[in-house]
Amino acid sequence: MNTPPRHQVTRDRGIAFAFAALLFVVDQLVKWWVVGPLNLVEVRHIDLLPFFDLTFTQNFGVSLGMFTADSAETRWLLVGVTSVIALVVAVWMLREKRLWDLIGLAMILGGAFGNILDRIRFGYVVDYADFHIGTFRPFLIFNIADAAITIGVLIILARSLFMGEKPKK
């Protein structure tokens, strides 16, 4: 696979880091809106559409509620572990050369920072997006950061599975 010119790689990395920052800001603004002006902490649930509601949830765990932080020590352990993962993703972005891989990594980084800040500020991650089909809920209640992380991981996986290095002729 041909490597893009250095100036293009530098530009693409800048775009990716800016995209990660934008995702972080949007995630935090929506969480502020949900917790503040909408007062979802007290209201708990707002019906919006036949398939989507806002439901306030405190997520003390990570992916799918696993590794629940039920004490101050485990809370800060999760902050530390997820911060190390975010640092690894940032370093990976500094080494990556392909734009779509950078975009996937940026989604992971922006989402990770959003959830890390929640855990530092509140001790839990603010979740509110409740997608459902009738009473069937194909996902747990989530937030923009969670969605960005999931989509970013899917992009990286798809690109690694289907866009691998082509043999040289």
Foldseek 3Di string as FASTA:
>chain_A
DDFDDPVVQVVLLVVLLVLLQVLLVVQVVVLCCCCPVVVCVVVQWDDDDLFKIWGKDFQQAPDVNPQGDPDPVSLVVVLVVLVVVLVVLNVVSVVDGDNLLSNLSSLLNSLSVNQSVCCVVPVTGIFTIFGGNRPHGPDDGGTSSVVSNVVSVVSNVCCVVPVPDDDDD
